[in-house]
Amino acid sequence: MTRFTVLVAAPQPRSAVYTTALRAASEVAARAGVTSSPEVVDLAELGADLLADDSDAVSAALESVRESDVLLVASPQVHGTYTGLLKVFLDRLPELGLGHTVAVPLAVVEDLRNSRGIEEDLRVLLADLGAWVAEPGLVLASDETHRPDSVVRAWADVAAPGLRQAVSVSV
């Protein structure tokens, strides 16, 4: 069975980014033939534990991410790139800690005209950790997160064939 994890890096728990990430995961999983329900890691719920050396919750979250076959990483754009929460969390992974993972970047931005940087930054970050990064990633304007269905469906139609192939090779 394919292990699928959704990693949400929004500063607020259960945010619009969280909801959008779950919707995107559902759409792309259905089209890519991933039948397992995704596990969700919401970094905002970990809070200050992200900085603790001995947090069981953070250790469990890192284990879930490391063991994922497919990892959808969702972050809002903050100061031009992904959140510090994501950086702090992923810095805890070992070198090539995502070496067997297919990663899917999802970015939520205020203005689509400024969206190119975050998707590229997420792609580079995940690739540096050894992941094979699916193309294309999903970029949504923040005002689309309340009704993401049409954008998410269109993206999933394009992304799913490549993701299906990548998952069949990696699993």
C-alpha atoms as a PDB file:
ATOM      1  CA  MET A   1       0.000   0.000   0.000  1.00  0.00           C
ATOM      2  CA  THR A   2       1.186   3.503  -0.833  1.00  0.00           C
ATOM      3  CA  ARG A   3       1.872   5.673   2.218  1.00  0.00           C
ATOM      4  CA  PHE A   4       0.548   9.156   1.524  1.00  0.00           C
ATOM      5  CA  THR A   5       1.174  12.101   3.857  1.00  0.00           C
ATOM      6  CA  VAL A   6      -0.025  15.687   3.645  1.00  0.00           C
ATOM      7  CA  LEU A   7       2.356  18.111   5.367  1.00  0.00           C
ATOM      8  CA  VAL A   8       0.747  21.495   6.075  1.00  0.00           C
ATOM      9  CA  ALA A   9       3.035  24.384   6.992  1.00  0.00           C
ATOM     10  CA  ALA A  10       0.558  27.194   7.637  1.00  0.00           C
ATOM     11  CA  PRO A  11       0.999  29.164  10.872  1.00  0.00           C
ATOM     12  CA  GLN A  12      -2.644  28.603  11.899  1.00  0.00           C
ATOM     13  CA  PRO A  13      -3.979  25.108  12.663  1.00  0.00           C
ATOM     14  CA  ARG A  14      -6.723  23.771  10.376  1.00  0.00           C
ATOM     15  CA  SER A  15      -6.277  26.791   8.080  1.00  0.00           C
ATOM     16  CA  ALA A  16      -7.560  27.362   4.561  1.00  0.00           C
ATOM     17  CA  VAL A  17      -4.205  25.989   3.377  1.00  0.00           C
ATOM     18  CA  TYR A  18      -4.955  22.805   5.353  1.00  0.00           C
ATOM     19  CA  THR A  19      -8.389  22.414   3.783  1.00  0.00           C
ATOM     20  CA  THR A  20      -7.033  23.089   0.301  1.00  0.00           C
ATOM     21  CA  ALA A  21      -4.197  20.598   0.796  1.00  0.00           C
ATOM     22  CA  LEU A  22      -6.659  17.867   1.784  1.00  0.00           C
ATOM     23  CA  ARG A  23      -8.802  18.640  -1.257  1.00  0.00           C
ATOM     24  CA  ALA A  24      -5.761  18.532  -3.551  1.00  0.00           C
ATOM     25  CA  ALA A  25      -4.585  15.274  -1.974  1.00  0.00           C
ATOM     26  CA  SER A  26      -7.984  13.686  -2.523  1.00  0.00           C
ATOM     27  CA  GLU A  27      -8.164  14.752  -6.170  1.00  0.00           C
ATOM     28  CA  VAL A  28      -4.654  13.749  -7.160  1.00  0.00           C
ATOM     29  CA  ALA A  29      -4.766  10.471  -5.214  1.00  0.00           C
ATOM     30  CA  ALA A  30      -7.956   9.410  -6.964  1.00  0.00           C
ATOM     31  CA  ARG A  31      -6.453  10.120 -10.386  1.00  0.00           C
ATOM     32  CA  ALA A  32      -3.028   8.630  -9.606  1.00  0.00           C
ATOM     33  CA  GLY A  33      -4.396   5.371  -8.225  1.00  0.00           C
ATOM     34  CA  VAL A  34      -3.375   5.989  -4.602  1.00  0.00           C
ATOM     35  CA  THR A  35      -6.072   4.257  -2.569  1.00  0.00           C
ATOM     36  CA  SER A  36      -4.796   4.869   0.960  1.00  0.00           C
ATOM     37  CA  SER A  37      -6.148   7.787   2.960  1.00  0.00           C
ATOM     38  CA  PRO A  38      -3.477  10.384   3.598  1.00  0.00           C
ATOM     39  CA  GLU A  39      -2.036  10.939   7.017  1.00  0.00           C
ATOM     40  CA  VAL A  40      -1.988  14.646   7.866  1.00  0.00           C
ATOM     41  CA  VAL A  41       0.791  16.479   9.682  1.00  0.00           C
ATOM     42  CA  ASP A  42      -0.270  20.038  10.578  1.00  0.00           C
ATOM     43  CA  LEU A  43       2.872  21.845  11.736  1.00  0.00           C
ATOM     44  CA  ALA A  44       0.854  24.587  13.442  1.00  0.00           C
ATOM     45  CA  GLU A  45      -0.460  21.976  15.868  1.00  0.00           C
ATOM     46  CA  LEU A  46       3.106  21.091  16.846  1.00  0.00           C
ATOM     47  CA  GLY A  47       3.852  24.726  17.729  1.00  0.00           C
ATOM     48  CA  ALA A  48       6.782  25.292  20.061  1.00  0.00           C
ATOM     49  CA  ASP A  49       7.500  21.553  20.161  1.00  0.00           C
ATOM     50  CA  LEU A  50       9.164  22.031  16.760  1.00  0.00           C
ATOM     51  CA  LEU A  51      12.053  23.631  18.639  1.00  0.00           C
ATOM     52  CA  ALA A  52      12.264  21.009  21.391  1.00  0.00           C
ATOM     53  CA  ASP A  53      14.837  18.240  21.225  1.00  0.00           C
ATOM     54  CA  ASP A  54      12.668  15.591  22.836  1.00  0.00           C
ATOM     55  CA  SER A  55       9.168  16.026  21.460  1.00  0.00           C
ATOM     56  CA  ASP A  56       7.367  12.741  20.833  1.00  0.00           C
ATOM     57  CA  ALA A  57       4.848  14.507  18.596  1.00  0.00           C
ATOM     58  CA  VAL A  58       7.578  15.969  16.373  1.00  0.00           C
ATOM     59  CA  SER A  59       9.407  12.637  16.245  1.00  0.00           C
ATOM     60  CA  ALA A  60       6.198  10.903  15.146  1.00  0.00           C
ATOM     61  CA  ALA A  61       5.568  13.573  12.501  1.00  0.00           C
ATOM     62  CA  LEU A  62       9.118  13.225  11.162  1.00  0.00           C
ATOM     63  CA  GLU A  63       8.706   9.460  11.016  1.00  0.00           C
ATOM     64  CA  SER A  64       5.463   9.811   9.060  1.00  0.00           C
ATOM     65  CA  VAL A  65       7.128  12.140   6.569  1.00  0.00           C
ATOM     66  CA  ARG A  66      10.244   9.944   6.216  1.00  0.00           C
ATOM     67  CA  GLU A  67       8.164   6.822   5.601  1.00  0.00           C
ATOM     68  CA  SER A  68       5.883   8.430   3.007  1.00  0.00           C
ATOM     69  CA  ASP A  69       5.815   7.205  -0.546  1.00  0.00           C
ATOM     70  CA  VAL A  70       3.908  10.338  -1.578  1.00  0.00           C
ATOM     71  CA  LEU A  71       4.258  13.609   0.333  1.00  0.00           C
ATOM     72  CA  LEU A  72       2.116  16.621  -0.517  1.00  0.00           C
ATOM     73  CA  VAL A  73       3.757  19.694   1.048  1.00  0.00           C
ATOM     74  CA  ALA A  74       1.494  22.738   1.417  1.00  0.00           C
ATOM     75  CA  SER A  75       2.720  26.157   2.480  1.00  0.00           C
ATOM     76  CA  PRO A  76       1.434  29.691   2.226  1.00  0.00           C
ATOM     77  CA  GLN A  77       3.827  32.255   0.839  1.00  0.00           C
ATOM     78  CA  VAL A  78       5.459  34.237   3.634  1.00  0.00           C
ATOM     79  CA  HIS A  79       8.023  36.919   2.819  1.00  0.00           C
ATOM     80  CA  GLY A  80       8.344  35.556  -0.711  1.00  0.00           C
ATOM     81  CA  THR A  81       8.869  31.885   0.124  1.00  0.00           C
ATOM     82  CA  TYR A  82       7.621  28.975   2.250  1.00  0.00           C
ATOM     83  CA  THR A  83       7.069  29.290   5.991  1.00  0.00           C
ATOM     84  CA  GLY A  84       9.685  29.110   8.713  1.00  0.00           C
ATOM     85  CA  LEU A  85       7.648  26.279  10.251  1.00  0.00           C
ATOM     86  CA  LEU A  86       8.393  24.161   7.210  1.00  0.00           C
ATOM     87  CA  LYS A  87      12.086  25.055   7.255  1.00  0.00           C
ATOM     88  CA  VAL A  88      12.463  24.263  10.966  1.00  0.00           C
ATOM     89  CA  PHE A  89      10.646  20.946  10.566  1.00  0.00           C
ATOM     90  CA  LEU A  90      12.434  19.737   7.436  1.00  0.00           C
ATOM     91  CA  ASP A  91      15.828  20.755   8.850  1.00  0.00           C
ATOM     92  CA  ARG A  92      15.362  17.859  11.272  1.00  0.00           C
ATOM     93  CA  LEU A  93      15.406  15.304   8.472  1.00  0.00           C
ATOM     94  CA  PRO A  94      18.714  13.637   7.659  1.00  0.00           C
ATOM     95  CA  GLU A  95      20.472  14.288   4.380  1.00  0.00           C
ATOM     96  CA  LEU A  96      18.442  12.621   1.611  1.00  0.00           C
ATOM     97  CA  GLY A  97      15.750  11.887   4.208  1.00  0.00           C
ATOM     98  CA  LEU A  98      13.132  11.924   1.455  1.00  0.00           C
ATOM     99  CA  GLY A  99      15.191   9.728  -0.853  1.00  0.00           C
ATOM    100  CA  HIS A 100      12.380   7.302  -1.689  1.00  0.00           C
ATOM    101  CA  THR A 101       9.570   9.861  -1.694  1.00  0.00           C
ATOM    102  CA  VAL A 102       7.552  11.430  -4.482  1.00  0.00           C
ATOM    103  CA  ALA A 103       6.863  14.999  -3.331  1.00  0.00           C
ATOM    104  CA  VAL A 104       4.109  17.301  -4.527  1.00  0.00           C
ATOM    105  CA  PRO A 105       4.518  21.033  -3.774  1.00  0.00           C
ATOM    106  CA  LEU A 106       1.442  23.164  -3.090  1.00  0.00           C
ATOM    107  CA  ALA A 107       1.761  26.904  -2.536  1.00  0.00           C
ATOM    108  CA  VAL A 108      -0.860  29.445  -1.545  1.00  0.00           C
ATOM    109  CA  VAL A 109       0.023  33.014  -2.490  1.00  0.00           C
ATOM    110  CA  GLU A 110      -1.577  36.418  -2.087  1.00  0.00           C
ATOM    111  CA  ASP A 111      -0.919  37.405  -5.697  1.00  0.00           C
ATOM    112  CA  LEU A 112      -0.417  34.915  -8.515  1.00  0.00           C
ATOM    113  CA  ARG A 113       1.938  37.378 -10.229  1.00  0.00           C
ATOM    114  CA  ASN A 114       4.431  36.715  -7.421  1.00  0.00           C
ATOM    115  CA  SER A 115       3.959  32.960  -7.237  1.00  0.00           C
ATOM    116  CA  ARG A 116       6.878  31.650  -9.236  1.00  0.00           C
ATOM    117  CA  GLY A 117       9.440  31.906  -6.448  1.00  0.00           C
ATOM    118  CA  ILE A 118       7.686  29.837  -3.801  1.00  0.00           C
ATOM    119  CA  GLU A 119       6.937  26.892  -6.087  1.00  0.00           C
ATOM    120  CA  GLU A 120      10.553  26.851  -7.223  1.00  0.00           C
ATOM    121  CA  ASP A 121      11.784  27.197  -3.623  1.00  0.00           C
ATOM    122  CA  LEU A 122       9.603  24.281  -2.478  1.00  0.00           C
ATOM    123  CA  ARG A 123      10.792  22.201  -5.429  1.00  0.00           C
ATOM    124  CA  VAL A 124      14.466  22.882  -4.628  1.00  0.00           C
ATOM    125  CA  LEU A 125      13.974  22.235  -0.893  1.00  0.00           C
ATOM    126  CA  LEU A 126      12.280  18.878  -1.481  1.00  0.00           C
ATOM    127  CA  ALA A 127      14.774  17.819  -4.153  1.00  0.00           C
ATOM    128  CA  ASP A 128      17.676  18.705  -1.843  1.00  0.00           C
ATOM    129  CA  LEU A 129      16.215  16.223   0.639  1.00  0.00           C
ATOM    130  CA  GLY A 130      16.295  13.559  -2.062  1.00  0.00           C
ATOM    131  CA  ALA A 131      12.648  13.556  -3.141  1.00  0.00           C
ATOM    132  CA  TRP A 132      11.522  13.155  -6.718  1.00  0.00           C
ATOM    133  CA  VAL A 133       9.371  16.261  -7.132  1.00  0.00           C
ATOM    134  CA  ALA A 134       6.217  15.896  -9.201  1.00  0.00           C
ATOM    135  CA  GLU A 135       5.431  18.421 -11.884  1.00  0.00           C
ATOM    136  CA  PRO A 136       3.578  20.612 -12.008  1.00  0.00           C
ATOM    137  CA  GLY A 137       3.185  21.767  -8.441  1.00  0.00           C
ATOM    138  CA  LEU A 138      -0.033  23.505  -7.477  1.00  0.00           C
ATOM    139  CA  VAL A 139      -0.136  27.247  -6.884  1.00  0.00           C
ATOM    140  CA  LEU A 140      -3.362  28.895  -5.739  1.00  0.00           C
ATOM    141  CA  ALA A 141      -4.243  32.464  -4.897  1.00  0.00           C
ATOM    142  CA  SER A 142      -5.360  32.798  -1.281  1.00  0.00           C
ATOM    143  CA  ASP A 143      -8.826  33.892  -2.397  1.00  0.00           C
ATOM    144  CA  GLU A 144      -9.153  30.554  -4.263  1.00  0.00           C
ATOM    145  CA  THR A 145      -8.689  28.477  -1.094  1.00  0.00           C
ATOM    146  CA  HIS A 146     -12.312  28.927  -0.037  1.00  0.00           C
ATOM    147  CA  ARG A 147     -13.520  27.390  -3.318  1.00  0.00           C
ATOM    148  CA  PRO A 148     -10.529  25.497  -4.738  1.00  0.00           C
ATOM    149  CA  ASP A 149     -12.386  22.718  -6.548  1.00  0.00           C
ATOM    150  CA  SER A 150     -12.126  23.867 -10.167  1.00  0.00           C
ATOM    151  CA  VAL A 151      -8.450  24.844  -9.891  1.00  0.00           C
ATOM    152  CA  VAL A 152      -7.567  21.679  -7.966  1.00  0.00           C
ATOM    153  CA  ARG A 153      -9.408  19.435 -10.441  1.00  0.00           C
ATOM    154  CA  ALA A 154      -7.689  21.053 -13.426  1.00  0.00           C
ATOM    155  CA  TRP A 155      -4.283  20.710 -11.761  1.00  0.00           C
ATOM    156  CA  ALA A 156      -4.925  17.084 -10.744  1.00  0.00           C
ATOM    157  CA  ASP A 157      -5.868  16.215 -14.331  1.00  0.00           C
ATOM    158  CA  VAL A 158      -2.455  17.453 -15.478  1.00  0.00           C
ATOM    159  CA  ALA A 159      -0.348  16.229 -12.535  1.00  0.00           C
ATOM    160  CA  ALA A 160      -1.831  12.762 -11.993  1.00  0.00           C
ATOM    161  CA  PRO A 161      -0.336  10.887 -14.982  1.00  0.00           C
ATOM    162  CA  GLY A 162       3.236  11.781 -14.001  1.00  0.00           C
ATOM    163  CA  LEU A 163       2.515  11.124 -10.346  1.00  0.00           C
ATOM    164  CA  ARG A 164       0.987   7.738 -11.194  1.00  0.00           C
ATOM    165  CA  GLN A 165       4.162   6.771 -13.061  1.00  0.00           C
ATOM    166  CA  ALA A 166       6.437   8.046 -10.284  1.00  0.00           C
ATOM    167  CA  VAL A 167       4.504   6.192  -7.587  1.00  0.00           C
ATOM    168  CA  SER A 168       4.586   2.946  -9.573  1.00  0.00           C
ATOM    169  CA  VAL A 169       8.369   3.213  -9.816  1.00  0.00           C
ATOM    170  CA  SER A 170       9.006   4.262  -6.204  1.00  0.00           C
ATOM    171  CA  VAL A 171       6.676   1.840  -4.428  1.00  0.00           C
END
